[in-house]
């Protein structure tokens, strides 16, 4: 992996659909949650790191 091509950006209304549409390779799906699940988990987690 070329780590120089990694860029972190805030999720917003302009990039939300693109983020949700991202997928990993089929052989990697058992190792990571979907982006939709991860976004929901991040939204539901409070500042203490506890899901509400």
PDB file of N, CA and C in Angstrom:
ATOM      1  N   UNK A   1       0.840  -1.177   0.000  1.00  0.00           N
ATOM      2  CA  UNK A   1       0.000   0.000   0.000  1.00  0.00           C
ATOM      3  C   UNK A   1       0.883   1.237   0.000  1.00  0.00           C
ATOM      4  N   UNK A   2       0.508   2.206  -0.799  1.00  0.00           N
ATOM      5  CA  UNK A   2       1.238   3.470  -0.856  1.00  0.00           C
ATOM      6  C   UNK A   2       0.602   4.435   0.140  1.00  0.00           C
ATOM      7  N   UNK A   3       1.194   4.555   1.304  1.00  0.00           N
ATOM      8  CA  UNK A   3       0.619   5.389   2.362  1.00  0.00           C
ATOM      9  C   UNK A   3       0.638   6.872   2.038  1.00  0.00           C
ATOM     10  N   UNK A   4       1.395   7.278   1.036  1.00  0.00           N
ATOM     11  CA  UNK A   4       1.412   8.680   0.642  1.00  0.00           C
ATOM     12  C   UNK A   4       0.098   9.100  -0.010  1.00  0.00           C
ATOM     13  N   UNK A   5      -0.704   8.136  -0.435  1.00  0.00           N
ATOM     14  CA  UNK A   5      -1.975   8.445  -1.090  1.00  0.00           C
ATOM     15  C   UNK A   5      -3.158   8.439  -0.140  1.00  0.00           C
ATOM     16  N   UNK A   6      -2.923   8.248   1.155  1.00  0.00           N
ATOM     17  CA  UNK A   6      -4.003   8.221   2.130  1.00  0.00           C
ATOM     18  C   UNK A   6      -4.289   9.642   2.591  1.00  0.00           C
ATOM     19  N   UNK A   7      -5.560  10.006   2.569  1.00  0.00           N
ATOM     20  CA  UNK A   7      -5.970  11.342   2.997  1.00  0.00           C
ATOM     21  C   UNK A   7      -7.206  11.209   3.876  1.00  0.00           C
ATOM     22  N   UNK A   8      -7.171  11.772   5.061  1.00  0.00           N
ATOM     23  CA  UNK A   8      -8.321  11.764   5.959  1.00  0.00           C
ATOM     24  C   UNK A   8      -9.072  13.080   5.810  1.00  0.00           C
ATOM     25  N   UNK A   9     -10.375  12.980   5.659  1.00  0.00           N
ATOM     26  CA  UNK A   9     -11.211  14.179   5.552  1.00  0.00           C
ATOM     27  C   UNK A   9     -12.440  13.993   6.432  1.00  0.00           C
ATOM     28  N   UNK A  10     -13.014  15.100   6.857  1.00  0.00           N
ATOM     29  CA  UNK A  10     -14.249  15.043   7.643  1.00  0.00           C
ATOM     30  C   UNK A  10     -15.395  14.584   6.764  1.00  0.00           C
ATOM     31  N   UNK A  11     -16.320  13.852   7.351  1.00  0.00           N
ATOM     32  CA  UNK A  11     -17.529  13.444   6.644  1.00  0.00           C
ATOM     33  C   UNK A  11     -18.467  14.645   6.627  1.00  0.00           C
ATOM     34  N   UNK A  12     -19.025  14.930   5.454  1.00  0.00           N
ATOM     35  CA  UNK A  12     -19.974  16.031   5.341  1.00  0.00           C
ATOM     36  C   UNK A  12     -21.035  15.672   4.305  1.00  0.00           C
ATOM     37  N   UNK A  13     -21.949  16.572   4.073  1.00  0.00           N
ATOM     38  CA  UNK A  13     -23.040  16.285   3.137  1.00  0.00           C
ATOM     39  C   UNK A  13     -22.544  16.125   1.706  1.00  0.00           C
ATOM     40  N   UNK A  14     -21.404  16.701   1.382  1.00  0.00           N
ATOM     41  CA  UNK A  14     -20.889  16.613   0.017  1.00  0.00           C
ATOM     42  C   UNK A  14     -20.209  15.277  -0.263  1.00  0.00           C
ATOM     43  N   UNK A  15     -19.626  14.617   0.756  1.00  0.00           N
ATOM     44  CA  UNK A  15     -18.899  13.375   0.507  1.00  0.00           C
ATOM     45  C   UNK A  15     -19.563  12.150   1.143  1.00  0.00           C
ATOM     46  N   UNK A  16     -20.702  12.350   1.797  1.00  0.00           N
ATOM     47  CA  UNK A  16     -21.364  11.258   2.516  1.00  0.00           C
ATOM     48  C   UNK A  16     -21.725  10.094   1.591  1.00  0.00           C
ATOM     49  N   UNK A  17     -22.354  10.369   0.472  1.00  0.00           N
ATOM     50  CA  UNK A  17     -22.760   9.285  -0.442  1.00  0.00           C
ATOM     51  C   UNK A  17     -21.556   8.522  -0.976  1.00  0.00           C
ATOM     52  N   UNK A  18     -20.485   9.239  -1.289  1.00  0.00           N
ATOM     53  CA  UNK A  18     -19.266   8.567  -1.762  1.00  0.00           C
ATOM     54  C   UNK A  18     -18.691   7.657  -0.684  1.00  0.00           C
ATOM     55  N   UNK A  19     -18.717   8.100   0.555  1.00  0.00           N
ATOM     56  CA  UNK A  19     -18.214   7.298   1.664  1.00  0.00           C
ATOM     57  C   UNK A  19     -19.050   6.036   1.849  1.00  0.00           C
ATOM     58  N   UNK A  20     -20.348   6.191   1.833  1.00  0.00           N
ATOM     59  CA  UNK A  20     -21.248   5.042   2.011  1.00  0.00           C
ATOM     60  C   UNK A  20     -21.063   4.028   0.877  1.00  0.00           C
ATOM     61  N   UNK A  21     -20.761   4.495  -0.315  1.00  0.00           N
ATOM     62  CA  UNK A  21     -20.606   3.608  -1.478  1.00  0.00           C
ATOM     63  C   UNK A  21     -19.275   2.859  -1.505  1.00  0.00           C
ATOM     64  N   UNK A  22     -18.310   3.262  -0.683  1.00  0.00           N
ATOM     65  CA  UNK A  22     -17.017   2.572  -0.671  1.00  0.00           C
ATOM     66  C   UNK A  22     -17.178   1.135  -0.200  1.00  0.00           C
ATOM     67  N   UNK A  23     -16.456   0.225  -0.817  1.00  0.00           N
ATOM     68  CA  UNK A  23     -16.484  -1.188  -0.427  1.00  0.00           C
ATOM     69  C   UNK A  23     -15.073  -1.742  -0.432  1.00  0.00           C
ATOM     70  N   UNK A  24     -14.857  -2.769   0.376  1.00  0.00           N
ATOM     71  CA  UNK A  24     -13.583  -3.477   0.374  1.00  0.00           C
ATOM     72  C   UNK A  24     -13.708  -4.678  -0.550  1.00  0.00           C
ATOM     73  N   UNK A  25     -12.587  -5.305  -0.857  1.00  0.00           N
ATOM     74  CA  UNK A  25     -12.613  -6.522  -1.662  1.00  0.00           C
ATOM     75  C   UNK A  25     -13.403  -7.595  -0.944  1.00  0.00           C
ATOM     76  N   UNK A  26     -14.001  -8.477  -1.702  1.00  0.00           N
ATOM     77  CA  UNK A  26     -14.843  -9.540  -1.143  1.00  0.00           C
ATOM     78  C   UNK A  26     -14.113 -10.349  -0.067  1.00  0.00           C
ATOM     79  N   UNK A  27     -12.838 -10.647  -0.280  1.00  0.00           N
ATOM     80  CA  UNK A  27     -12.086 -11.460   0.683  1.00  0.00           C
ATOM     81  C   UNK A  27     -11.704 -10.694   1.941  1.00  0.00           C
ATOM     82  N   UNK A  28     -12.016  -9.402   2.013  1.00  0.00           N
ATOM     83  CA  UNK A  28     -11.721  -8.596   3.200  1.00  0.00           C
ATOM     84  C   UNK A  28     -12.964  -8.300   4.029  1.00  0.00           C
ATOM     85  N   UNK A  29     -14.138  -8.636   3.525  1.00  0.00           N
ATOM     86  CA  UNK A  29     -15.394  -8.252   4.177  1.00  0.00           C
ATOM     87  C   UNK A  29     -15.576  -8.859   5.564  1.00  0.00           C
ATOM     88  N   UNK A  30     -14.914  -9.970   5.847  1.00  0.00           N
ATOM     89  CA  UNK A  30     -15.028 -10.581   7.179  1.00  0.00           C
ATOM     90  C   UNK A  30     -14.195  -9.856   8.228  1.00  0.00           C
ATOM     91  N   UNK A  31     -13.373  -8.912   7.810  1.00  0.00           N
ATOM     92  CA  UNK A  31     -12.448  -8.252   8.729  1.00  0.00           C
ATOM     93  C   UNK A  31     -12.859  -6.839   9.127  1.00  0.00           C
ATOM     94  N   UNK A  32     -13.743  -6.213   8.378  1.00  0.00           N
ATOM     95  CA  UNK A  32     -14.141  -4.836   8.677  1.00  0.00           C
ATOM     96  C   UNK A  32     -15.650  -4.687   8.544  1.00  0.00           C
ATOM     97  N   UNK A  33     -16.185  -3.750   9.296  1.00  0.00           N
ATOM     98  CA  UNK A  33     -17.615  -3.449   9.203  1.00  0.00           C
ATOM     99  C   UNK A  33     -17.867  -2.588   7.972  1.00  0.00           C
ATOM    100  N   UNK A  34     -19.105  -2.535   7.563  1.00  0.00           N
ATOM    101  CA  UNK A  34     -19.461  -1.661   6.443  1.00  0.00           C
ATOM    102  C   UNK A  34     -19.295  -0.203   6.871  1.00  0.00           C
ATOM    103  N   UNK A  35     -19.153   0.666   5.914  1.00  0.00           N
ATOM    104  CA  UNK A  35     -19.027   2.084   6.238  1.00  0.00           C
ATOM    105  C   UNK A  35     -20.296   2.612   6.891  1.00  0.00           C
ATOM    106  N   UNK A  36     -21.446   2.124   6.474  1.00  0.00           N
ATOM    107  CA  UNK A  36     -22.704   2.560   7.077  1.00  0.00           C
ATOM    108  C   UNK A  36     -22.720   2.200   8.565  1.00  0.00           C
ATOM    109  N   UNK A  37     -22.320   0.965   8.887  1.00  0.00           N
ATOM    110  CA  UNK A  37     -22.273   0.549  10.291  1.00  0.00           C
ATOM    111  C   UNK A  37     -21.273   1.405  11.071  1.00  0.00           C
ATOM    112  N   UNK A  38     -20.108   1.646  10.499  1.00  0.00           N
ATOM    113  CA  UNK A  38     -19.082   2.428  11.189  1.00  0.00           C
ATOM    114  C   UNK A  38     -19.527   3.863  11.420  1.00  0.00           C
ATOM    115  N   UNK A  39     -20.221   4.449  10.453  1.00  0.00           N
ATOM    116  CA  UNK A  39     -20.746   5.803  10.630  1.00  0.00           C
ATOM    117  C   UNK A  39     -21.799   5.842  11.731  1.00  0.00           C
ATOM    118  N   UNK A  40     -22.689   4.861  11.735  1.00  0.00           N
ATOM    119  CA  UNK A  40     -23.718   4.802  12.775  1.00  0.00           C
ATOM    120  C   UNK A  40     -23.099   4.610  14.151  1.00  0.00           C
ATOM    121  N   UNK A  41     -22.100   3.756  14.238  1.00  0.00           N
ATOM    122  CA  UNK A  41     -21.419   3.512  15.511  1.00  0.00           C
ATOM    123  C   UNK A  41     -20.715   4.783  15.995  1.00  0.00           C
ATOM    124  N   UNK A  42     -20.065   5.497  15.092  1.00  0.00           N
ATOM    125  CA  UNK A  42     -19.385   6.740  15.464  1.00  0.00           C
ATOM    126  C   UNK A  42     -20.391   7.779  15.945  1.00  0.00           C
ATOM    127  N   UNK A  43     -21.541   7.861  15.306  1.00  0.00           N
ATOM    128  CA  UNK A  43     -22.577   8.817  15.685  1.00  0.00           C
ATOM    129  C   UNK A  43     -23.147   8.481  17.066  1.00  0.00           C
ATOM    130  N   UNK A  44     -23.300   7.184  17.323  1.00  0.00           N
ATOM    131  CA  UNK A  44     -23.919   6.752  18.573  1.00  0.00           C
ATOM    132  C   UNK A  44     -22.958   6.741  19.755  1.00  0.00           C
ATOM    133  N   UNK A  45     -21.675   6.848  19.496  1.00  0.00           N
ATOM    134  CA  UNK A  45     -20.681   6.783  20.559  1.00  0.00           C
ATOM    135  C   UNK A  45     -20.455   8.176  21.139  1.00  0.00           C
ATOM    136  N   UNK A  46     -20.549   8.276  22.462  1.00  0.00           N
ATOM    137  CA  UNK A  46     -20.360   9.584  23.076  1.00  0.00           C
ATOM    138  C   UNK A  46     -18.874   9.856  23.312  1.00  0.00           C
ATOM    139  N   UNK A  47     -18.565  10.968  23.870  1.00  0.00           N
ATOM    140  CA  UNK A  47     -17.171  11.398  24.064  1.00  0.00           C
ATOM    141  C   UNK A  47     -16.374  10.437  24.937  1.00  0.00           C
ATOM    142  N   UNK A  48     -17.043   9.661  25.772  1.00  0.00           N
ATOM    143  CA  UNK A  48     -16.349   8.701  26.645  1.00  0.00           C
ATOM    144  C   UNK A  48     -16.084   7.370  25.948  1.00  0.00           C
ATOM    145  N   UNK A  49     -16.510   7.256  24.704  1.00  0.00           N
ATOM    146  CA  UNK A  49     -16.285   6.029  23.966  1.00  0.00           C
ATOM    147  C   UNK A  49     -17.293   4.951  24.272  1.00  0.00           C
ATOM    148  N   UNK A  50     -18.448   5.339  24.803  1.00  0.00           N
ATOM    149  CA  UNK A  50     -19.491   4.373  25.160  1.00  0.00           C
ATOM    150  C   UNK A  50     -20.674   4.564  24.238  1.00  0.00           C
ATOM    151  N   UNK A  51     -21.116   3.481  23.621  1.00  0.00           N
ATOM    152  CA  UNK A  51     -22.291   3.579  22.771  1.00  0.00           C
ATOM    153  C   UNK A  51     -23.498   3.951  23.616  1.00  0.00           C
ATOM    154  N   UNK A  52     -24.266   4.896  23.134  1.00  0.00           N
ATOM    155  CA  UNK A  52     -25.451   5.368  23.858  1.00  0.00           C
ATOM    156  C   UNK A  52     -26.592   4.383  23.726  1.00  0.00           C
TER     157      UNK A  52
END
